[in-house]
Amino acid sequence: MEEHLPQQIKQVWRIGAGLSLLWWLAVTIGLLVANHLWHWPLWLIAISLGMALLHPAIELALIPYRYAFWRFRITDTAVYLKEGAVFQKETAIPIRRIQNVTLEAGPILRAHGLQEVQIQTASTTDSLAGVTTAVANQLRDRILALAKEARDDA
């Protein structure tokens, strides 16, 4: 059975869009200062201001789609991650290749009671965007137990 991310992740993504807006506005202000001091071209400011408006707006508009199409599933043989509506990405991580599972939470995720689950193999690290702390602990323990069992069987 495929599982969804918790509803709280939408708020985390909204905050991320807000931080993106602040970053682009800071760049725009920096370019305004550079224009004033060194006569940098105005088109740089226009591009930066356009990005300050477009980038966060697109991020906000895509949140419902991003949430609707993000799924994960754990079986005895693999961890499956699925994301994307237009550009779909499906990842299958064989249990036998998993070396470590790390839980991470920055201040925004922590404030919403979420953690990112990072699944590490020898060559890659894939992550589950954000699940509740209890679910993250259960996933980590289950994946590591399945990986140990798979290695013991080999």
Protein backbone atom coordinates (compact mmCIF):
# COMPACT_ATOMS: atom_id res chain seq x y z
CA MET A 1 0.00 0.00 0.00
CA GLU A 2 1.36 3.41 -0.97
CA GLU A 3 1.48 6.01 1.76
CA HIS A 4 1.12 9.79 1.51
CA LEU A 5 3.16 12.44 3.23
CA PRO A 6 1.46 14.15 6.19
CA GLN A 7 -0.57 17.34 5.64
CA GLN A 8 1.99 19.40 7.62
CA ILE A 9 4.46 19.11 4.73
CA LYS A 10 2.33 21.57 2.74
CA GLN A 11 2.99 24.27 5.33
CA VAL A 12 6.72 23.49 5.24
CA TRP A 13 6.68 23.90 1.45
CA ARG A 14 4.79 27.21 1.81
CA ILE A 15 7.45 28.48 4.21
CA GLY A 16 10.10 27.38 1.72
CA ALA A 17 8.37 29.45 -0.99
CA GLY A 18 8.31 32.44 1.38
CA LEU A 19 12.03 32.04 2.07
CA SER A 20 12.62 31.87 -1.68
CA LEU A 21 10.76 35.18 -2.05
CA LEU A 22 12.92 36.78 0.65
CA TRP A 23 16.11 35.51 -1.00
CA TRP A 24 15.15 36.91 -4.41
CA LEU A 25 14.15 40.23 -2.85
CA ALA A 26 17.54 40.41 -1.13
CA VAL A 27 19.25 39.77 -4.48
CA THR A 28 17.10 42.49 -6.07
CA ILE A 29 18.03 44.97 -3.34
CA GLY A 30 21.70 44.06 -3.78
CA LEU A 31 21.40 44.72 -7.51
CA LEU A 32 19.69 48.05 -6.84
CA VAL A 33 22.62 49.06 -4.64
CA ALA A 34 25.08 47.86 -7.30
CA ASN A 35 23.18 49.90 -9.91
CA HIS A 36 23.36 52.97 -7.73
CA LEU A 37 27.06 52.58 -6.89
CA TRP A 38 28.51 51.14 -10.10
CA HIS A 39 25.77 51.73 -12.67
CA TRP A 40 25.03 48.07 -13.27
CA PRO A 41 22.40 47.49 -15.97
CA LEU A 42 18.74 47.85 -15.02
CA TRP A 43 17.82 44.65 -16.84
CA LEU A 44 19.56 42.66 -14.06
CA ILE A 45 17.20 44.23 -11.53
CA ALA A 46 14.21 43.48 -13.76
CA ILE A 47 15.19 39.82 -14.09
CA SER A 48 15.78 39.51 -10.35
CA LEU A 49 12.45 41.16 -9.54
CA GLY A 50 10.72 38.88 -12.04
CA MET A 51 12.26 35.86 -10.35
CA ALA A 52 11.24 37.23 -6.95
CA LEU A 53 7.63 37.20 -8.14
CA LEU A 54 7.56 34.12 -10.38
CA HIS A 55 9.62 31.55 -8.48
CA PRO A 56 7.65 31.61 -5.19
CA ALA A 57 4.33 31.90 -7.07
CA ILE A 58 5.13 28.78 -9.09
CA GLU A 59 6.27 26.94 -5.94
CA LEU A 60 3.02 27.84 -4.16
CA ALA A 61 0.89 26.87 -7.15
CA LEU A 62 2.56 23.46 -7.39
CA ILE A 63 2.13 22.50 -3.72
CA PRO A 64 -1.23 20.71 -4.21
CA TYR A 65 0.18 18.73 -7.14
CA ARG A 66 3.42 17.99 -5.37
CA TYR A 67 1.48 16.69 -2.37
CA ALA A 68 -1.01 14.68 -4.43
CA PHE A 69 1.68 12.78 -6.30
CA TRP A 70 4.29 12.11 -3.59
CA ARG A 71 4.03 8.50 -2.39
CA PHE A 72 6.22 5.87 -0.76
CA ARG A 73 5.95 2.15 -0.11
CA ILE A 74 8.12 -0.35 1.74
CA THR A 75 8.15 -4.03 0.87
CA ASP A 76 10.38 -6.91 1.95
CA THR A 77 12.55 -6.38 -1.14
CA ALA A 78 12.64 -2.61 -1.79
CA VAL A 79 11.70 0.91 -0.75
CA TYR A 80 9.71 2.66 -3.47
CA LEU A 81 9.56 6.45 -3.76
CA LYS A 82 7.24 8.06 -6.31
CA GLU A 83 6.89 11.77 -7.04
CA GLY A 84 5.76 14.11 -9.77
CA ALA A 85 2.70 14.59 -11.93
CA VAL A 86 4.07 15.89 -15.21
CA PHE A 87 7.67 14.77 -14.74
CA GLN A 88 7.29 11.53 -12.85
CA LYS A 89 10.14 9.96 -10.95
CA GLU A 90 9.94 6.50 -9.46
CA THR A 91 12.82 5.17 -7.42
CA ALA A 92 13.22 1.61 -6.18
CA ILE A 93 15.89 1.14 -3.54
CA PRO A 94 16.70 -2.56 -3.02
CA ILE A 95 16.60 -3.44 0.68
CA ARG A 96 19.75 -5.53 0.26
CA ARG A 97 21.75 -2.44 -0.83
CA ILE A 98 20.67 -0.14 2.01
CA GLN A 99 23.56 0.69 4.31
CA ASN A 100 22.10 3.35 6.58
CA VAL A 101 18.92 5.28 7.35
CA THR A 102 19.32 8.79 8.73
CA LEU A 103 16.64 11.03 10.21
CA GLU A 104 17.14 14.77 9.78
CA ALA A 105 15.05 17.76 10.77
CA GLY A 106 15.95 21.39 10.36
CA PRO A 107 14.16 24.08 12.37
CA ILE A 108 11.18 24.35 9.98
CA LEU A 109 10.56 20.59 9.87
CA ARG A 110 11.03 20.33 13.65
CA ALA A 111 8.53 23.14 14.24
CA HIS A 112 5.94 21.09 12.35
CA GLY A 113 6.80 17.78 14.04
CA LEU A 114 8.34 16.31 10.89
CA GLN A 115 11.58 14.59 9.95
CA GLU A 116 13.26 13.77 6.65
CA VAL A 117 14.17 10.10 6.21
CA GLN A 118 17.39 9.63 4.22
CA ILE A 119 18.05 6.16 2.82
CA GLN A 120 21.69 5.60 1.97
CA THR A 121 23.23 3.00 -0.30
CA ALA A 122 26.87 2.75 -1.39
CA SER A 123 26.24 5.05 -4.35
CA THR A 124 23.23 7.25 -3.56
CA THR A 125 21.16 8.89 -0.88
CA ASP A 126 17.43 9.13 -1.48
CA SER A 127 15.07 10.88 0.88
CA LEU A 128 11.48 10.94 2.00
CA ALA A 129 10.53 14.63 2.11
CA GLY A 130 9.00 14.78 5.58
CA VAL A 131 7.03 12.41 7.79
CA THR A 132 5.98 12.68 11.41
CA THR A 133 8.62 11.85 13.99
CA ALA A 134 6.83 8.66 15.08
CA VAL A 135 6.49 7.44 11.48
CA ALA A 136 10.14 8.36 10.77
CA ASN A 137 11.31 6.25 13.71
CA GLN A 138 9.11 3.33 12.62
CA LEU A 139 10.35 3.57 9.01
CA ARG A 140 13.99 3.70 10.10
CA ASP A 141 13.62 0.67 12.37
CA ARG A 142 11.65 -1.33 9.77
CA ILE A 143 14.02 -0.56 6.89
CA LEU A 144 17.12 -1.34 8.95
CA ALA A 145 15.57 -4.60 10.22
CA LEU A 146 14.67 -5.61 6.64
CA ALA A 147 18.19 -4.72 5.45
CA LYS A 148 19.81 -6.75 8.24
CA GLU A 149 17.55 -9.70 7.47
CA ALA A 150 18.35 -9.46 3.73
CA ARG A 151 22.10 -9.42 4.44
CA ASP A 152 21.81 -12.35 6.87
CA ASP A 153 19.95 -14.38 4.22
CA ALA A 154 22.63 -13.77 1.60
